[in-house]
Amino acid sequence: MDIIKLRELLERELASAELEPLDEEFYKEFDSLIKALEFKAESSRERGEGVEERLSLAELKIAKELITEIVRVRLHKIVDLAVKGVPYSLPEDERKIFSILVSFIGREPLNVPLEERPIERKVEVEIEDSKSPIRRAYLLEMDIPKVMDGNLNSYGPFKKGDLVVLPNDIAAILLKRGAAREIKISM
């Protein structure tokens, strides 16, 4: 599976009122594609290949957008089939959804074990203690090599266009030299 096949599937789904047949392993293959693209981006980052990393991340973003749209279109079609009560050859993950919808529409009890799992979201929070300097966001106007602050903490290297958070002393130098500009972030 690759992005081209995902794009072709999306085009077929959009062009047809019927569900396009999918291989039973479609969603597992998609998960493998995502893992491979993430690994490729990480490997490129570790080797210092910025262009290759950005290409891999762009591929990853496109793949996720394509699958989101494919799933959205297919879910609409699955709901229509469930309302009509028409069985259809579906991959296992979609068969589960179809069965739940048919039961729901028929006001039958749902035989689905509901697992209560907390929704996990990755949130990065930086807690500043009173000893650490205030930090702000800056957009870099040029490539910056690795730099160190007064406490010998290293930052970088950075590429032109990177959005970074830096201590005030480093930021002041970059601003003075025209290497960065401060970004106002309003919430």
N, C-alpha and C. Protein backbone atom coordinates (compact mmCIF):
# COMPACT_ATOMS: atom_id res chain seq x y z
N MET A 1 0.85 -1.18 0.00
CA MET A 1 0.00 0.00 0.00
C MET A 1 0.89 1.23 0.00
N ASP A 2 0.44 2.25 -0.72
CA ASP A 2 1.14 3.52 -0.74
C ASP A 2 0.14 4.65 -0.96
N ILE A 3 0.63 5.86 -1.01
CA ILE A 3 -0.24 7.03 -1.15
C ILE A 3 -1.01 6.99 -2.47
N ILE A 4 -0.38 6.52 -3.52
CA ILE A 4 -1.04 6.46 -4.82
C ILE A 4 -2.26 5.54 -4.76
N LYS A 5 -2.10 4.38 -4.13
CA LYS A 5 -3.23 3.45 -4.00
C LYS A 5 -4.34 4.05 -3.14
N LEU A 6 -3.96 4.77 -2.08
CA LEU A 6 -4.97 5.43 -1.25
C LEU A 6 -5.73 6.47 -2.06
N ARG A 7 -5.01 7.25 -2.85
CA ARG A 7 -5.64 8.28 -3.68
C ARG A 7 -6.59 7.65 -4.70
N GLU A 8 -6.16 6.56 -5.33
CA GLU A 8 -7.01 5.87 -6.30
C GLU A 8 -8.27 5.32 -5.63
N LEU A 9 -8.13 4.76 -4.43
CA LEU A 9 -9.29 4.25 -3.70
C LEU A 9 -10.25 5.38 -3.38
N LEU A 10 -9.73 6.50 -2.91
CA LEU A 10 -10.59 7.64 -2.60
C LEU A 10 -11.35 8.10 -3.85
N GLU A 11 -10.66 8.18 -4.98
CA GLU A 11 -11.32 8.59 -6.23
C GLU A 11 -12.43 7.62 -6.60
N ARG A 12 -12.18 6.31 -6.45
CA ARG A 12 -13.22 5.31 -6.76
C ARG A 12 -14.39 5.42 -5.81
N GLU A 13 -14.10 5.63 -4.51
CA GLU A 13 -15.17 5.77 -3.51
C GLU A 13 -16.04 6.99 -3.82
N LEU A 14 -15.40 8.09 -4.18
CA LEU A 14 -16.15 9.31 -4.48
C LEU A 14 -16.96 9.18 -5.77
N ALA A 15 -16.47 8.40 -6.72
CA ALA A 15 -17.13 8.28 -8.02
C ALA A 15 -18.29 7.27 -8.01
N SER A 16 -18.34 6.42 -7.01
CA SER A 16 -19.34 5.35 -6.99
C SER A 16 -20.30 5.50 -5.81
N ALA A 17 -21.56 5.12 -6.04
CA ALA A 17 -22.54 5.12 -4.95
C ALA A 17 -22.38 3.87 -4.10
N GLU A 18 -21.72 2.87 -4.64
CA GLU A 18 -21.50 1.62 -3.94
C GLU A 18 -20.15 1.64 -3.22
N LEU A 19 -20.05 0.79 -2.20
CA LEU A 19 -18.77 0.63 -1.52
C LEU A 19 -17.79 -0.10 -2.43
N GLU A 20 -16.58 0.40 -2.48
CA GLU A 20 -15.53 -0.30 -3.21
C GLU A 20 -15.08 -1.49 -2.36
N PRO A 21 -14.86 -2.64 -2.98
CA PRO A 21 -14.38 -3.79 -2.20
C PRO A 21 -12.98 -3.52 -1.65
N LEU A 22 -12.80 -3.90 -0.39
CA LEU A 22 -11.50 -3.74 0.26
C LEU A 22 -10.99 -5.10 0.69
N ASP A 23 -9.70 -5.25 0.64
CA ASP A 23 -9.04 -6.43 1.16
C ASP A 23 -9.29 -6.50 2.67
N GLU A 24 -9.43 -7.69 3.19
CA GLU A 24 -9.67 -7.89 4.62
C GLU A 24 -8.58 -7.24 5.48
N GLU A 25 -7.38 -7.13 4.94
CA GLU A 25 -6.24 -6.59 5.67
C GLU A 25 -6.01 -5.10 5.41
N PHE A 26 -6.94 -4.42 4.76
CA PHE A 26 -6.74 -3.03 4.35
C PHE A 26 -6.30 -2.14 5.51
N TYR A 27 -7.03 -2.18 6.61
CA TYR A 27 -6.72 -1.27 7.71
C TYR A 27 -5.40 -1.64 8.39
N LYS A 28 -5.07 -2.92 8.44
CA LYS A 28 -3.77 -3.33 8.99
C LYS A 28 -2.64 -2.86 8.09
N GLU A 29 -2.86 -2.95 6.77
CA GLU A 29 -1.84 -2.47 5.83
C GLU A 29 -1.65 -0.96 5.96
N PHE A 30 -2.76 -0.25 6.18
CA PHE A 30 -2.66 1.20 6.37
C PHE A 30 -1.85 1.51 7.62
N ASP A 31 -2.13 0.81 8.72
CA ASP A 31 -1.36 1.01 9.95
C ASP A 31 0.12 0.76 9.71
N SER A 32 0.44 -0.26 8.92
CA SER A 32 1.84 -0.55 8.61
C SER A 32 2.47 0.58 7.80
N LEU A 33 1.71 1.14 6.85
CA LEU A 33 2.21 2.26 6.06
C LEU A 33 2.54 3.45 6.96
N ILE A 34 1.64 3.76 7.89
CA ILE A 34 1.86 4.88 8.81
C ILE A 34 3.12 4.64 9.64
N LYS A 35 3.26 3.44 10.18
CA LYS A 35 4.45 3.13 10.99
C LYS A 35 5.72 3.25 10.16
N ALA A 36 5.67 2.79 8.91
CA ALA A 36 6.85 2.86 8.04
C ALA A 36 7.21 4.31 7.74
N LEU A 37 6.22 5.15 7.48
CA LEU A 37 6.49 6.57 7.20
C LEU A 37 7.03 7.28 8.44
N GLU A 38 6.48 6.95 9.61
CA GLU A 38 6.99 7.55 10.85
C GLU A 38 8.43 7.12 11.10
N PHE A 39 8.73 5.84 10.86
CA PHE A 39 10.09 5.34 11.03
C PHE A 39 11.05 6.01 10.05
N LYS A 40 10.60 6.17 8.81
CA LYS A 40 11.43 6.81 7.78
C LYS A 40 11.75 8.25 8.18
N ALA A 41 10.76 8.98 8.68
CA ALA A 41 10.98 10.37 9.10
C ALA A 41 11.95 10.42 10.28
N GLU A 42 11.75 9.53 11.24
CA GLU A 42 12.62 9.49 12.42
C GLU A 42 14.05 9.14 12.04
N SER A 43 14.21 8.17 11.14
CA SER A 43 15.56 7.79 10.69
C SER A 43 16.24 8.95 9.98
N SER A 44 15.48 9.66 9.14
CA SER A 44 16.05 10.80 8.43
C SER A 44 16.47 11.89 9.40
N ARG A 45 15.66 12.10 10.44
CA ARG A 45 15.99 13.11 11.44
C ARG A 45 17.28 12.74 12.16
N GLU A 46 17.41 11.46 12.53
CA GLU A 46 18.61 11.01 13.24
C GLU A 46 19.87 11.12 12.37
N ARG A 47 19.71 10.96 11.06
CA ARG A 47 20.86 11.07 10.16
C ARG A 47 21.12 12.51 9.75
N GLY A 48 20.28 13.44 10.20
CA GLY A 48 20.46 14.84 9.87
C GLY A 48 20.03 15.20 8.45
N GLU A 49 19.17 14.39 7.87
CA GLU A 49 18.68 14.64 6.51
C GLU A 49 17.35 15.38 6.58
N GLY A 50 17.44 16.69 6.74
CA GLY A 50 16.25 17.51 6.94
C GLY A 50 15.26 17.46 5.79
N VAL A 51 15.75 17.48 4.56
CA VAL A 51 14.85 17.45 3.40
C VAL A 51 14.10 16.13 3.35
N GLU A 52 14.82 15.04 3.53
CA GLU A 52 14.20 13.71 3.52
C GLU A 52 13.18 13.58 4.65
N GLU A 53 13.50 14.13 5.82
CA GLU A 53 12.57 14.09 6.95
C GLU A 53 11.29 14.85 6.61
N ARG A 54 11.44 16.06 6.05
CA ARG A 54 10.25 16.85 5.70
C ARG A 54 9.41 16.16 4.64
N LEU A 55 10.05 15.50 3.69
CA LEU A 55 9.31 14.75 2.67
C LEU A 55 8.53 13.60 3.30
N SER A 56 9.16 12.89 4.22
CA SER A 56 8.48 11.78 4.89
C SER A 56 7.32 12.28 5.73
N LEU A 57 7.51 13.39 6.42
CA LEU A 57 6.43 13.95 7.23
C LEU A 57 5.28 14.44 6.35
N ALA A 58 5.60 14.99 5.18
CA ALA A 58 4.56 15.43 4.25
C ALA A 58 3.78 14.21 3.72
N GLU A 59 4.51 13.14 3.40
CA GLU A 59 3.86 11.89 2.96
C GLU A 59 2.94 11.36 4.05
N LEU A 60 3.41 11.39 5.28
CA LEU A 60 2.63 10.92 6.42
C LEU A 60 1.35 11.73 6.56
N LYS A 61 1.46 13.04 6.45
CA LYS A 61 0.29 13.92 6.56
C LYS A 61 -0.71 13.62 5.45
N ILE A 62 -0.23 13.46 4.23
CA ILE A 62 -1.12 13.17 3.10
C ILE A 62 -1.82 11.83 3.30
N ALA A 63 -1.08 10.81 3.74
CA ALA A 63 -1.66 9.48 3.96
C ALA A 63 -2.77 9.55 5.00
N LYS A 64 -2.54 10.29 6.09
CA LYS A 64 -3.56 10.41 7.14
C LYS A 64 -4.79 11.16 6.63
N GLU A 65 -4.57 12.20 5.83
CA GLU A 65 -5.70 12.95 5.27
C GLU A 65 -6.50 12.08 4.31
N LEU A 66 -5.82 11.29 3.49
CA LEU A 66 -6.51 10.41 2.55
C LEU A 66 -7.35 9.37 3.28
N ILE A 67 -6.78 8.72 4.30
CA ILE A 67 -7.53 7.68 4.99
C ILE A 67 -8.71 8.29 5.75
N THR A 68 -8.54 9.49 6.28
CA THR A 68 -9.65 10.15 6.97
C THR A 68 -10.81 10.36 6.00
N GLU A 69 -10.51 10.82 4.81
CA GLU A 69 -11.55 11.06 3.80
C GLU A 69 -12.15 9.74 3.31
N ILE A 70 -11.32 8.72 3.12
CA ILE A 70 -11.83 7.40 2.71
C ILE A 70 -12.79 6.86 3.76
N VAL A 71 -12.41 6.92 5.02
CA VAL A 71 -13.26 6.42 6.10
C VAL A 71 -14.55 7.22 6.17
N ARG A 72 -14.47 8.53 6.01
CA ARG A 72 -15.68 9.37 6.06
C ARG A 72 -16.66 8.96 4.97
N VAL A 73 -16.18 8.81 3.74
CA VAL A 73 -17.04 8.44 2.62
C VAL A 73 -17.60 7.04 2.84
N ARG A 74 -16.76 6.11 3.26
CA ARG A 74 -17.22 4.73 3.47
C ARG A 74 -18.23 4.65 4.60
N LEU A 75 -18.04 5.41 5.67
CA LEU A 75 -19.00 5.39 6.77
C LEU A 75 -20.38 5.86 6.31
N HIS A 76 -20.42 6.88 5.48
CA HIS A 76 -21.71 7.34 4.95
C HIS A 76 -22.40 6.20 4.19
N LYS A 77 -21.63 5.50 3.38
CA LYS A 77 -22.20 4.40 2.60
C LYS A 77 -22.62 3.24 3.50
N ILE A 78 -21.85 2.96 4.54
CA ILE A 78 -22.19 1.88 5.47
C ILE A 78 -23.48 2.22 6.21
N VAL A 79 -23.64 3.47 6.62
CA VAL A 79 -24.88 3.89 7.28
C VAL A 79 -26.06 3.69 6.34
N ASP A 80 -25.92 4.08 5.08
CA ASP A 80 -26.99 3.88 4.10
C ASP A 80 -27.35 2.40 3.96
N LEU A 81 -26.33 1.54 3.90
CA LEU A 81 -26.57 0.10 3.81
C LEU A 81 -27.28 -0.42 5.06
N ALA A 82 -26.88 0.06 6.22
CA ALA A 82 -27.49 -0.39 7.47
C ALA A 82 -28.95 0.04 7.54
N VAL A 83 -29.26 1.24 7.08
CA VAL A 83 -30.65 1.72 7.08
C VAL A 83 -31.49 0.82 6.16
N LYS A 84 -30.93 0.44 5.02
CA LYS A 84 -31.64 -0.43 4.08
C LYS A 84 -31.64 -1.89 4.55
N GLY A 85 -30.76 -2.21 5.51
CA GLY A 85 -30.64 -3.58 5.99
C GLY A 85 -29.96 -4.50 5.00
N VAL A 86 -29.18 -3.91 4.11
CA VAL A 86 -28.51 -4.67 3.06
C VAL A 86 -27.14 -5.13 3.55
N PRO A 87 -26.94 -6.44 3.65
CA PRO A 87 -25.60 -6.91 4.03
C PRO A 87 -24.64 -6.71 2.87
N TYR A 88 -23.40 -6.55 3.19
CA TYR A 88 -22.39 -6.28 2.18
C TYR A 88 -21.09 -6.89 2.64
N SER A 89 -20.26 -7.27 1.71
CA SER A 89 -18.95 -7.83 2.05
C SER A 89 -18.04 -6.70 2.51
N LEU A 90 -17.73 -6.71 3.78
CA LEU A 90 -16.92 -5.64 4.38
C LEU A 90 -15.74 -6.23 5.12
N PRO A 91 -14.67 -5.46 5.26
CA PRO A 91 -13.58 -5.89 6.16
C PRO A 91 -14.12 -5.99 7.59
N GLU A 92 -13.45 -6.75 8.41
CA GLU A 92 -13.94 -7.03 9.77
C GLU A 92 -14.25 -5.76 10.56
N ASP A 93 -13.37 -4.77 10.52
CA ASP A 93 -13.61 -3.54 11.28
C ASP A 93 -14.90 -2.87 10.85
N GLU A 94 -15.17 -2.85 9.55
CA GLU A 94 -16.38 -2.22 9.04
C GLU A 94 -17.61 -3.09 9.30
N ARG A 95 -17.44 -4.43 9.31
CA ARG A 95 -18.57 -5.32 9.63
C ARG A 95 -19.06 -5.06 11.04
N LYS A 96 -18.15 -4.80 11.96
CA LYS A 96 -18.54 -4.50 13.35
C LYS A 96 -19.40 -3.24 13.38
N ILE A 97 -18.96 -2.22 12.67
CA ILE A 97 -19.72 -0.96 12.63
C ILE A 97 -21.09 -1.20 12.01
N PHE A 98 -21.13 -1.96 10.91
CA PHE A 98 -22.39 -2.27 10.24
C PHE A 98 -23.34 -2.98 11.20
N SER A 99 -22.86 -3.99 11.92
CA SER A 99 -23.69 -4.75 12.86
C SER A 99 -24.24 -3.86 13.96
N ILE A 100 -23.40 -2.98 14.48
CA ILE A 100 -23.85 -2.06 15.53
C ILE A 100 -24.94 -1.14 14.98
N LEU A 101 -24.74 -0.63 13.77
CA LEU A 101 -25.73 0.27 13.17
C LEU A 101 -27.06 -0.44 12.93
N VAL A 102 -27.02 -1.67 12.41
CA VAL A 102 -28.25 -2.43 12.15
C VAL A 102 -28.99 -2.67 13.47
N SER A 103 -28.26 -3.05 14.51
CA SER A 103 -28.89 -3.25 15.82
C SER A 103 -29.48 -1.96 16.35
N PHE A 104 -28.76 -0.89 16.22
CA PHE A 104 -29.23 0.41 16.70
C PHE A 104 -30.49 0.85 15.96
N ILE A 105 -30.46 0.73 14.64
CA ILE A 105 -31.61 1.14 13.83
C ILE A 105 -32.82 0.27 14.14
N GLY A 106 -32.61 -1.02 14.36
CA GLY A 106 -33.69 -1.94 14.69
C GLY A 106 -34.09 -1.91 16.16
N ARG A 107 -33.50 -1.00 16.92
CA ARG A 107 -33.76 -0.85 18.36
C ARG A 107 -33.51 -2.15 19.11
N GLU A 108 -32.55 -2.93 18.65
CA GLU A 108 -32.16 -4.17 19.31
C GLU A 108 -31.07 -3.85 20.32
N PRO A 109 -30.94 -4.69 21.35
CA PRO A 109 -29.85 -4.45 22.29
C PRO A 109 -28.50 -4.63 21.59
N LEU A 110 -27.59 -3.78 21.93
CA LEU A 110 -26.26 -3.85 21.34
C LEU A 110 -25.43 -4.89 22.08
N ASN A 111 -24.90 -5.83 21.35
CA ASN A 111 -24.05 -6.86 21.95
C ASN A 111 -22.59 -6.50 21.78
N VAL A 112 -22.28 -5.30 22.14
CA VAL A 112 -20.91 -4.82 22.00
C VAL A 112 -20.38 -4.49 23.38
N PRO A 113 -19.31 -5.17 23.79
CA PRO A 113 -18.73 -4.80 25.08
C PRO A 113 -18.13 -3.40 24.99
N LEU A 114 -18.66 -2.52 25.79
CA LEU A 114 -18.16 -1.16 25.78
C LEU A 114 -17.03 -1.04 26.79
N GLU A 115 -15.87 -0.76 26.28
CA GLU A 115 -14.72 -0.56 27.14
C GLU A 115 -14.64 0.91 27.48
N GLU A 116 -14.55 1.19 28.73
CA GLU A 116 -14.36 2.58 29.10
C GLU A 116 -12.87 2.84 29.21
N ARG A 117 -12.37 3.52 28.20
CA ARG A 117 -10.96 3.85 28.17
C ARG A 117 -10.84 5.36 28.13
N PRO A 118 -9.94 5.89 28.91
CA PRO A 118 -9.75 7.34 28.82
C PRO A 118 -9.16 7.69 27.46
N ILE A 119 -9.57 8.80 26.94
CA ILE A 119 -9.02 9.27 25.67
C ILE A 119 -7.64 9.82 25.95
N GLU A 120 -6.67 9.27 25.23
CA GLU A 120 -5.30 9.71 25.44
C GLU A 120 -4.95 10.78 24.41
N ARG A 121 -4.45 11.86 24.89
CA ARG A 121 -3.99 12.92 24.01
C ARG A 121 -2.59 13.30 24.44
N LYS A 122 -1.75 13.50 23.45
CA LYS A 122 -0.40 13.92 23.77
C LYS A 122 -0.40 15.42 23.95
N VAL A 123 -0.07 15.83 25.13
CA VAL A 123 0.00 17.25 25.43
C VAL A 123 1.35 17.51 26.08
N GLU A 124 2.08 18.43 25.50
CA GLU A 124 3.36 18.79 26.08
C GLU A 124 3.17 20.06 26.89
N VAL A 125 3.49 19.98 28.14
CA VAL A 125 3.37 21.14 29.01
C VAL A 125 4.74 21.43 29.59
N GLU A 126 5.13 22.66 29.48
CA GLU A 126 6.41 23.06 30.04
C GLU A 126 6.12 23.90 31.28
N ILE A 127 6.55 23.42 32.40
CA ILE A 127 6.34 24.14 33.64
C ILE A 127 7.62 24.87 33.96
N GLU A 128 7.49 26.15 34.10
CA GLU A 128 8.67 26.96 34.39
C GLU A 128 8.74 27.23 35.88
N ASP A 129 9.89 27.00 36.44
CA ASP A 129 10.06 27.38 37.83
C ASP A 129 10.55 28.83 37.85
N SER A 130 10.53 29.41 39.03
CA SER A 130 10.87 30.83 39.13
C SER A 130 12.34 31.10 38.79
N LYS A 131 13.18 30.07 38.79
CA LYS A 131 14.60 30.27 38.50
C LYS A 131 14.88 30.30 37.00
N SER A 132 14.00 29.69 36.19
CA SER A 132 14.28 29.64 34.75
C SER A 132 13.82 30.93 34.08
N PRO A 133 14.52 31.33 33.03
CA PRO A 133 14.17 32.58 32.36
C PRO A 133 12.86 32.45 31.60
N ILE A 134 12.19 33.58 31.39
CA ILE A 134 10.95 33.59 30.63
C ILE A 134 11.28 33.25 29.18
N ARG A 135 10.40 32.48 28.53
CA ARG A 135 10.64 32.06 27.16
C ARG A 135 9.53 32.58 26.26
N ARG A 136 9.88 32.83 25.01
CA ARG A 136 8.92 33.27 24.01
C ARG A 136 9.18 32.50 22.72
N ALA A 137 8.23 32.55 21.78
CA ALA A 137 8.38 31.86 20.50
C ALA A 137 8.99 32.81 19.47
N TYR A 138 9.84 32.24 18.61
CA TYR A 138 10.52 33.03 17.59
C TYR A 138 10.52 32.26 16.27
N LEU A 139 10.35 32.99 15.17
CA LEU A 139 10.45 32.43 13.83
C LEU A 139 11.84 32.76 13.32
N LEU A 140 12.60 31.73 12.94
CA LEU A 140 13.98 31.95 12.52
C LEU A 140 14.05 32.39 11.07
N GLU A 141 14.87 33.40 10.82
CA GLU A 141 15.03 33.98 9.49
C GLU A 141 16.21 33.37 8.73
N MET A 142 17.01 32.54 9.41
CA MET A 142 18.16 31.89 8.77
C MET A 142 18.50 30.63 9.56
N ASP A 143 19.33 29.78 8.96
CA ASP A 143 19.81 28.59 9.66
C ASP A 143 20.67 29.03 10.84
N ILE A 144 20.49 28.36 11.98
CA ILE A 144 21.25 28.67 13.19
C ILE A 144 21.94 27.39 13.66
N PRO A 145 23.26 27.44 13.88
CA PRO A 145 23.94 26.25 14.41
C PRO A 145 23.59 26.06 15.89
N LYS A 146 24.07 24.98 16.46
CA LYS A 146 23.85 24.74 17.88
C LYS A 146 24.45 25.89 18.69
N VAL A 147 23.68 26.41 19.66
CA VAL A 147 24.16 27.49 20.52
C VAL A 147 23.98 27.08 21.98
N MET A 148 24.72 27.76 22.86
CA MET A 148 24.63 27.47 24.29
C MET A 148 24.30 28.74 25.05
N ASP A 149 23.51 28.57 26.12
CA ASP A 149 23.20 29.73 26.96
C ASP A 149 24.24 29.84 28.08
N GLY A 150 24.03 30.78 28.98
CA GLY A 150 24.97 31.02 30.08
C GLY A 150 25.12 29.84 31.02
N ASN A 151 24.12 28.94 31.06
CA ASN A 151 24.18 27.77 31.93
C ASN A 151 24.68 26.53 31.20
N LEU A 152 25.22 26.74 30.00
CA LEU A 152 25.76 25.68 29.16
C LEU A 152 24.70 24.69 28.66
N ASN A 153 23.43 25.15 28.59
CA ASN A 153 22.38 24.35 27.97
C ASN A 153 22.46 24.60 26.47
N SER A 154 22.41 23.52 25.67
CA SER A 154 22.53 23.71 24.23
C SER A 154 21.15 23.73 23.57
N TYR A 155 21.06 24.49 22.48
CA TYR A 155 19.83 24.65 21.70
C TYR A 155 20.20 24.54 20.23
N GLY A 156 19.38 23.82 19.45
CA GLY A 156 19.61 23.74 18.02
C GLY A 156 20.35 22.48 17.65
N PRO A 157 20.78 22.42 16.42
CA PRO A 157 20.74 23.43 15.36
C PRO A 157 19.31 23.61 14.83
N PHE A 158 19.05 24.76 14.20
CA PHE A 158 17.74 25.10 13.68
C PHE A 158 17.85 25.46 12.20
N LYS A 159 16.75 25.30 11.49
CA LYS A 159 16.67 25.66 10.07
C LYS A 159 15.84 26.93 9.91
N LYS A 160 16.10 27.65 8.84
CA LYS A 160 15.31 28.84 8.51
C LYS A 160 13.84 28.43 8.43
N GLY A 161 12.97 29.22 9.07
CA GLY A 161 11.54 28.93 9.06
C GLY A 161 11.07 28.13 10.26
N ASP A 162 12.01 27.62 11.08
CA ASP A 162 11.61 26.90 12.29
C ASP A 162 10.99 27.85 13.29
N LEU A 163 9.98 27.37 14.00
CA LEU A 163 9.38 28.11 15.11
C LEU A 163 9.97 27.51 16.38
N VAL A 164 10.65 28.34 17.17
CA VAL A 164 11.37 27.83 18.33
C VAL A 164 11.03 28.62 19.59
N VAL A 165 11.26 27.99 20.72
CA VAL A 165 11.12 28.65 22.02
C VAL A 165 12.51 28.69 22.63
N LEU A 166 12.96 29.89 22.97
CA LEU A 166 14.32 30.07 23.46
C LEU A 166 14.34 30.93 24.71
N PRO A 167 15.40 30.80 25.51
CA PRO A 167 15.57 31.70 26.65
C PRO A 167 15.80 33.13 26.14
N ASN A 168 15.49 34.09 26.97
CA ASN A 168 15.58 35.50 26.57
C ASN A 168 16.98 35.92 26.14
N ASP A 169 18.03 35.42 26.81
CA ASP A 169 19.37 35.87 26.46
C ASP A 169 19.77 35.45 25.04
N ILE A 170 19.45 34.23 24.66
CA ILE A 170 19.75 33.78 23.29
C ILE A 170 18.86 34.51 22.30
N ALA A 171 17.59 34.63 22.63
CA ALA A 171 16.64 35.30 21.73
C ALA A 171 17.05 36.74 21.46
N ALA A 172 17.52 37.43 22.50
CA ALA A 172 17.92 38.83 22.34
C ALA A 172 19.04 38.96 21.31
N ILE A 173 19.99 38.05 21.36
CA ILE A 173 21.11 38.08 20.41
C ILE A 173 20.60 37.83 18.99
N LEU A 174 19.72 36.82 18.84
CA LEU A 174 19.19 36.51 17.51
C LEU A 174 18.36 37.67 16.96
N LEU A 175 17.57 38.30 17.82
CA LEU A 175 16.77 39.45 17.38
C LEU A 175 17.66 40.60 16.94
N LYS A 176 18.70 40.86 17.73
CA LYS A 176 19.62 41.97 17.45
C LYS A 176 20.31 41.77 16.09
N ARG A 177 20.63 40.52 15.77
CA ARG A 177 21.34 40.22 14.52
C ARG A 177 20.38 40.00 13.34
N GLY A 178 19.08 40.10 13.59
CA GLY A 178 18.11 39.90 12.52
C GLY A 178 17.94 38.45 12.11
N ALA A 179 18.35 37.54 12.97
CA ALA A 179 18.26 36.12 12.67
C ALA A 179 16.92 35.52 13.07
N ALA A 180 16.11 36.27 13.82
CA ALA A 180 14.81 35.77 14.27
C ALA A 180 13.87 36.94 14.49
N ARG A 181 12.57 36.60 14.52
CA ARG A 181 11.59 37.62 14.91
C ARG A 181 10.61 36.98 15.87
N GLU A 182 10.18 37.78 16.83
CA GLU A 182 9.28 37.27 17.86
C GLU A 182 7.89 37.05 17.28
N ILE A 183 7.26 35.97 17.72
CA ILE A 183 5.91 35.62 17.26
C ILE A 183 4.95 35.81 18.42
N LYS A 184 3.87 36.52 18.17
CA LYS A 184 2.83 36.71 19.18
C LYS A 184 1.83 35.57 19.04
N ILE A 185 1.62 34.85 20.10
CA ILE A 185 0.66 33.75 20.09
C ILE A 185 -0.45 34.11 21.06
N SER A 186 -1.66 34.25 20.52
CA SER A 186 -2.79 34.58 21.39
C SER A 186 -3.68 33.36 21.51
N MET A 187 -4.17 33.14 22.69
CA MET A 187 -5.02 31.97 22.94
C MET A 187 -6.42 32.42 23.25
